[in-house]
């Protein structure tokens, strides 16, 4: 019995793969979003190789980082293979009428945050668990926010209780701005905010509404938004087709939208 246990313990942990290409090292634990992103990137890299856009001996990604040649080949691949329709004026006007606040000018948010930075080698699962615990704690007791920011935040603002001051959308990374300005909550946001810097626990202290210009003044921004939405839809459909023809192990692309197009 002990021999069986010992042998079992010596078995290598499962490694997620696309075809024969591993997405992480043995024993490395990745968050679901990171794993899906690596899988989507590898699907595109292998498609570029299959179409002769990239050399067959292109090196496999290291820690999720592809070669410069692979990045260029993927960009060209998407330009040629994704059909992204141009939004017409009627669609743009309907979108603007349904979301006028999204195009307000001069809107400001006063906020503070606790940053759990994603750095090379960090255990994403443990980091997320820590961030979730802190989120639950400060939602239950907001008076603890400054203290937790000082003790846990990986941002220099932690020395000031996480205070970010008054922010315009242009002051933030786009994905961070989307969460701050895409909603109307005041207080600790009910979910972690994901950005290129890591995981954020965010509290909105105050909001100042901006002015809403007429459609004609923001028509180009509205069209750009609809183009991004169309691209995201086309990308998801394209990746689903690639995944259907590939051998995937240890990763579920159906669990959420691809991080590549969020």
Protein backbone atom coordinates (compact mmCIF):
# COMPACT_ATOMS: atom_id res chain seq x y z
CA UNK A 1 0.00 0.00 0.00
CA UNK A 2 2.79 2.45 0.92
CA UNK A 3 4.61 1.59 -2.30
CA UNK A 4 1.50 2.43 -4.28
CA UNK A 5 1.17 5.80 -2.53
CA UNK A 6 4.82 6.59 -3.13
CA UNK A 7 4.58 5.76 -6.81
CA UNK A 8 1.43 7.86 -7.13
CA UNK A 9 3.10 10.82 -5.44
CA UNK A 10 5.96 10.63 -7.93
CA UNK A 11 3.66 11.06 -10.90
CA UNK A 12 4.16 14.47 -12.56
CA UNK A 13 1.29 16.96 -12.21
CA UNK A 14 -0.98 17.49 -15.20
CA UNK A 15 0.23 20.11 -17.66
CA UNK A 16 -2.23 21.99 -19.87
CA UNK A 17 -1.38 21.75 -23.57
CA UNK A 18 -2.41 22.83 -27.03
CA UNK A 19 -1.37 19.93 -29.23
CA UNK A 20 2.08 18.99 -28.01
CA UNK A 21 2.96 22.46 -26.74
CA UNK A 22 2.74 22.84 -22.94
CA UNK A 23 1.22 26.05 -21.63
CA UNK A 24 3.17 26.07 -18.36
CA UNK A 25 5.95 24.27 -16.55
CA UNK A 26 5.43 21.14 -14.49
CA UNK A 27 4.02 22.11 -11.12
CA UNK A 28 3.32 25.73 -12.12
CA UNK A 29 -0.10 26.94 -11.03
CA UNK A 30 -1.82 29.49 -13.27
CA UNK A 31 -5.07 31.35 -12.83
CA UNK A 32 -7.88 30.37 -15.21
CA UNK A 33 -7.69 33.65 -17.14
CA UNK A 34 -3.93 33.39 -17.66
CA UNK A 35 -4.25 29.75 -18.75
CA UNK A 36 -6.98 30.60 -21.26
CA UNK A 37 -4.97 33.53 -22.61
CA UNK A 38 -1.94 31.32 -23.18
CA UNK A 39 -4.12 28.70 -24.89
CA UNK A 40 -5.69 31.27 -27.20
CA UNK A 41 -2.30 32.71 -28.11
CA UNK A 42 -0.95 29.24 -28.84
CA UNK A 43 -3.94 28.40 -31.03
CA UNK A 44 -3.22 31.51 -33.09
CA UNK A 45 0.53 30.79 -33.24
CA UNK A 46 -0.11 27.26 -34.48
CA UNK A 47 -2.60 28.54 -37.06
CA UNK A 48 0.02 30.97 -38.35
CA UNK A 49 2.49 28.09 -38.69
CA UNK A 50 -0.08 25.91 -40.47
CA UNK A 51 -0.71 28.66 -43.04
CA UNK A 52 3.00 29.21 -43.66
CA UNK A 53 2.96 32.68 -42.11
CA UNK A 54 5.44 31.59 -39.43
CA UNK A 55 8.39 29.21 -39.55
CA UNK A 56 7.72 25.74 -38.23
CA UNK A 57 10.73 25.99 -35.94
CA UNK A 58 9.42 29.11 -34.21
CA UNK A 59 10.23 28.59 -30.52
CA UNK A 60 7.43 27.60 -28.19
CA UNK A 61 6.39 30.37 -25.79
CA UNK A 62 8.46 30.76 -22.62
CA UNK A 63 6.33 31.71 -19.59
CA UNK A 64 3.57 32.64 -22.02
CA UNK A 65 5.76 35.03 -24.04
CA UNK A 66 5.85 34.41 -27.79
CA UNK A 67 8.58 35.44 -30.21
CA UNK A 68 8.51 38.77 -32.05
CA UNK A 69 8.05 36.87 -35.31
CA UNK A 70 5.03 35.03 -33.89
CA UNK A 71 3.47 38.27 -32.66
CA UNK A 72 3.84 39.85 -36.10
CA UNK A 73 2.47 36.74 -37.82
CA UNK A 74 -0.58 36.67 -35.53
CA UNK A 75 -1.33 40.33 -36.20
CA UNK A 76 -1.23 39.68 -39.94
CA UNK A 77 -3.30 36.53 -39.55
CA UNK A 78 -6.07 38.40 -37.71
CA UNK A 79 -6.04 41.25 -40.21
CA UNK A 80 -6.66 38.78 -43.06
CA UNK A 81 -8.91 36.18 -41.46
CA UNK A 82 -11.26 38.15 -39.22
CA UNK A 83 -14.28 39.69 -40.93
CA UNK A 84 -15.10 42.81 -38.88
CA UNK A 85 -18.04 44.78 -40.30
CA UNK A 86 -17.93 48.58 -40.29
CA UNK A 87 -20.75 50.00 -38.12
CA UNK A 88 -23.23 52.17 -39.99
CA UNK A 89 -24.54 55.49 -38.78
CA UNK A 90 -27.88 54.07 -37.65
CA UNK A 91 -26.20 51.47 -35.43
CA UNK A 92 -23.91 54.13 -33.97
CA UNK A 93 -26.86 56.41 -33.17
CA UNK A 94 -28.76 53.58 -31.48
CA UNK A 95 -25.74 52.70 -29.36
CA UNK A 96 -25.21 56.31 -28.33
CA UNK A 97 -28.87 56.74 -27.42
CA UNK A 98 -28.70 53.64 -25.22
CA UNK A 99 -25.41 54.60 -23.51
CA UNK A 100 -25.12 58.40 -23.43
CA UNK A 101 -23.26 58.49 -20.09
CA UNK A 102 -20.47 56.38 -21.58
CA UNK A 103 -19.43 59.34 -23.74
CA UNK A 104 -19.67 62.03 -21.08
CA UNK A 105 -16.82 64.55 -21.07
CA UNK A 106 -15.17 65.63 -17.85
CA UNK A 107 -16.48 62.86 -15.59
CA UNK A 108 -14.24 62.35 -12.56
CA UNK A 109 -14.00 59.69 -9.87
CA UNK A 110 -12.30 59.95 -6.49
CA UNK A 111 -10.97 56.51 -5.59
CA UNK A 112 -8.50 54.48 -3.60
CA UNK A 113 -7.24 50.97 -4.19
CA UNK A 114 -5.23 48.04 -2.86
CA UNK A 115 -3.03 46.53 -5.58
CA UNK A 116 -2.03 42.88 -5.57
CA UNK A 117 0.59 42.99 -8.30
CA UNK A 118 1.13 40.10 -10.70
CA UNK A 119 4.89 39.65 -10.98
CA UNK A 120 7.03 36.90 -12.56
CA UNK A 121 6.85 33.71 -10.53
CA UNK A 122 3.94 34.80 -8.36
CA UNK A 123 1.40 32.13 -7.38
CA UNK A 124 -1.69 33.53 -9.12
CA UNK A 125 -4.08 31.31 -7.21
CA UNK A 126 -2.69 32.34 -3.83
CA UNK A 127 -2.61 35.99 -4.88
CA UNK A 128 -6.24 35.90 -5.99
CA UNK A 129 -7.27 34.20 -2.76
CA UNK A 130 -5.52 36.91 -0.73
CA UNK A 131 -7.15 39.66 -2.79
CA UNK A 132 -10.59 38.07 -2.42
CA UNK A 133 -10.16 37.82 1.36
CA UNK A 134 -9.20 41.48 1.55
CA UNK A 135 -12.13 42.46 -0.67
CA UNK A 136 -14.59 40.66 1.59
CA UNK A 137 -12.99 42.19 4.66
CA UNK A 138 -13.14 45.81 3.51
CA UNK A 139 -16.63 45.41 2.07
CA UNK A 140 -17.76 44.31 5.52
CA UNK A 141 -15.73 47.01 7.29
CA UNK A 142 -14.76 49.90 4.93
CA UNK A 143 -13.02 51.72 7.81
CA UNK A 144 -10.21 49.14 7.47
CA UNK A 145 -9.46 50.12 3.87
CA UNK A 146 -6.58 52.54 4.54
CA UNK A 147 -4.96 50.16 7.00
CA UNK A 148 -5.12 47.22 4.60
CA UNK A 149 -3.80 49.37 1.75
CA UNK A 150 -0.84 50.43 3.85
CA UNK A 151 -0.06 46.83 4.84
CA UNK A 152 -0.81 44.94 1.61
CA UNK A 153 -0.81 47.17 -1.46
CA UNK A 154 2.02 46.87 -3.98
CA UNK A 155 1.34 50.44 -5.17
CA UNK A 156 3.15 53.49 -3.73
CA UNK A 157 -0.30 54.88 -2.96
CA UNK A 158 -0.46 52.33 -0.15
CA UNK A 159 1.57 54.75 1.94
CA UNK A 160 -1.39 57.15 1.70
CA UNK A 161 -4.09 54.60 2.44
CA UNK A 162 -4.39 53.67 -1.24
CA UNK A 163 -5.59 57.15 -2.20
CA UNK A 164 -5.51 57.81 -5.96
CA UNK A 165 -7.13 61.24 -5.78
CA UNK A 166 -9.50 62.47 -8.48
CA UNK A 167 -9.19 60.54 -11.75
CA UNK A 168 -10.34 61.10 -15.32
CA UNK A 169 -10.71 58.09 -17.59
CA UNK A 170 -7.50 59.06 -19.40
CA UNK A 171 -5.56 58.82 -16.15
CA UNK A 172 -6.11 55.04 -15.93
CA UNK A 173 -5.28 51.92 -17.87
CA UNK A 174 -8.29 51.23 -20.15
CA UNK A 175 -9.37 48.10 -18.31
CA UNK A 176 -9.19 49.93 -14.96
CA UNK A 177 -11.09 52.92 -16.36
CA UNK A 178 -13.79 50.59 -17.72
CA UNK A 179 -14.58 49.39 -14.20
CA UNK A 180 -14.38 52.84 -12.59
CA UNK A 181 -16.38 54.76 -15.17
CA UNK A 182 -18.60 52.01 -16.57
CA UNK A 183 -20.71 51.82 -13.42
CA UNK A 184 -22.32 54.19 -10.95
CA UNK A 185 -21.43 52.55 -7.62
CA UNK A 186 -20.15 54.51 -4.65
CA UNK A 187 -18.21 52.50 -2.07
CA UNK A 188 -16.09 49.36 -2.32
CA UNK A 189 -16.68 47.73 -5.69
CA UNK A 190 -18.21 44.26 -5.27
CA UNK A 191 -15.60 42.44 -7.36
CA UNK A 192 -11.88 42.56 -7.98
CA UNK A 193 -10.75 44.84 -10.79
CA UNK A 194 -8.32 43.15 -13.17
CA UNK A 195 -5.71 45.26 -14.94
CA UNK A 196 -2.35 44.76 -16.63
CA UNK A 197 -0.80 45.57 -13.25
CA UNK A 198 -2.62 42.92 -11.23
CA UNK A 199 -5.72 42.62 -9.06
CA UNK A 200 -7.24 45.67 -7.41
CA UNK A 201 -9.61 46.12 -4.50
CA UNK A 202 -11.20 49.49 -5.30
CA UNK A 203 -13.31 51.93 -3.33
CA UNK A 204 -15.06 54.80 -5.10
CA UNK A 205 -15.32 57.70 -2.67
CA UNK A 206 -17.12 60.23 -4.88
CA UNK A 207 -18.20 60.87 -8.46
CA UNK A 208 -18.58 64.04 -10.49
CA UNK A 209 -20.74 63.57 -13.59
CA UNK A 210 -19.46 64.97 -16.84
CA UNK A 211 -21.30 66.77 -19.61
CA UNK A 212 -22.94 64.72 -22.33
CA UNK A 213 -22.09 66.14 -25.77
CA UNK A 214 -24.37 65.62 -28.79
CA UNK A 215 -23.94 62.53 -30.91
CA UNK A 216 -22.15 64.41 -33.68
CA UNK A 217 -19.36 65.40 -31.30
CA UNK A 218 -18.62 61.80 -30.29
CA UNK A 219 -19.60 59.90 -33.45
CA UNK A 220 -16.05 58.69 -34.09
CA UNK A 221 -15.70 57.39 -30.52
CA UNK A 222 -19.03 55.57 -30.80
CA UNK A 223 -17.95 53.96 -34.07
CA UNK A 224 -14.66 52.89 -32.48
CA UNK A 225 -16.56 51.24 -29.63
CA UNK A 226 -18.74 49.26 -32.01
CA UNK A 227 -15.69 48.22 -34.04
CA UNK A 228 -14.07 46.86 -30.87
CA UNK A 229 -17.24 44.95 -30.01
CA UNK A 230 -17.41 43.50 -33.52
CA UNK A 231 -13.74 42.52 -33.35
CA UNK A 232 -14.30 40.81 -29.99
CA UNK A 233 -17.24 38.81 -31.38
CA UNK A 234 -15.30 37.81 -34.50
CA UNK A 235 -12.28 36.82 -32.38
CA UNK A 236 -14.35 34.60 -30.10
CA UNK A 237 -15.93 32.84 -33.07
CA UNK A 238 -12.54 32.39 -34.74
CA UNK A 239 -10.94 30.95 -31.60
CA UNK A 240 -13.85 28.53 -31.16
CA UNK A 241 -13.26 27.22 -34.69
CA UNK A 242 -9.54 26.80 -34.02
CA UNK A 243 -10.21 25.08 -30.69
CA UNK A 244 -12.67 22.66 -32.32
CA UNK A 245 -9.91 21.44 -34.67
CA UNK A 246 -7.16 21.32 -32.02
CA UNK A 247 -6.24 18.95 -29.21
CA UNK A 248 -6.59 20.85 -25.93
CA UNK A 249 -5.72 19.35 -22.58
CA UNK A 250 -6.29 20.90 -19.17
CA UNK A 251 -7.88 24.16 -20.31
CA UNK A 252 -11.52 25.10 -20.91
CA UNK A 253 -12.00 27.95 -23.37
CA UNK A 254 -15.77 27.85 -22.91
CA UNK A 255 -15.58 28.92 -19.25
CA UNK A 256 -15.49 32.63 -20.13
CA UNK A 257 -14.82 35.01 -22.95
CA UNK A 258 -11.27 34.84 -24.21
CA UNK A 259 -8.98 37.22 -22.28
CA UNK A 260 -7.48 38.15 -25.63
CA UNK A 261 -10.59 40.05 -26.57
CA UNK A 262 -11.79 41.46 -23.28
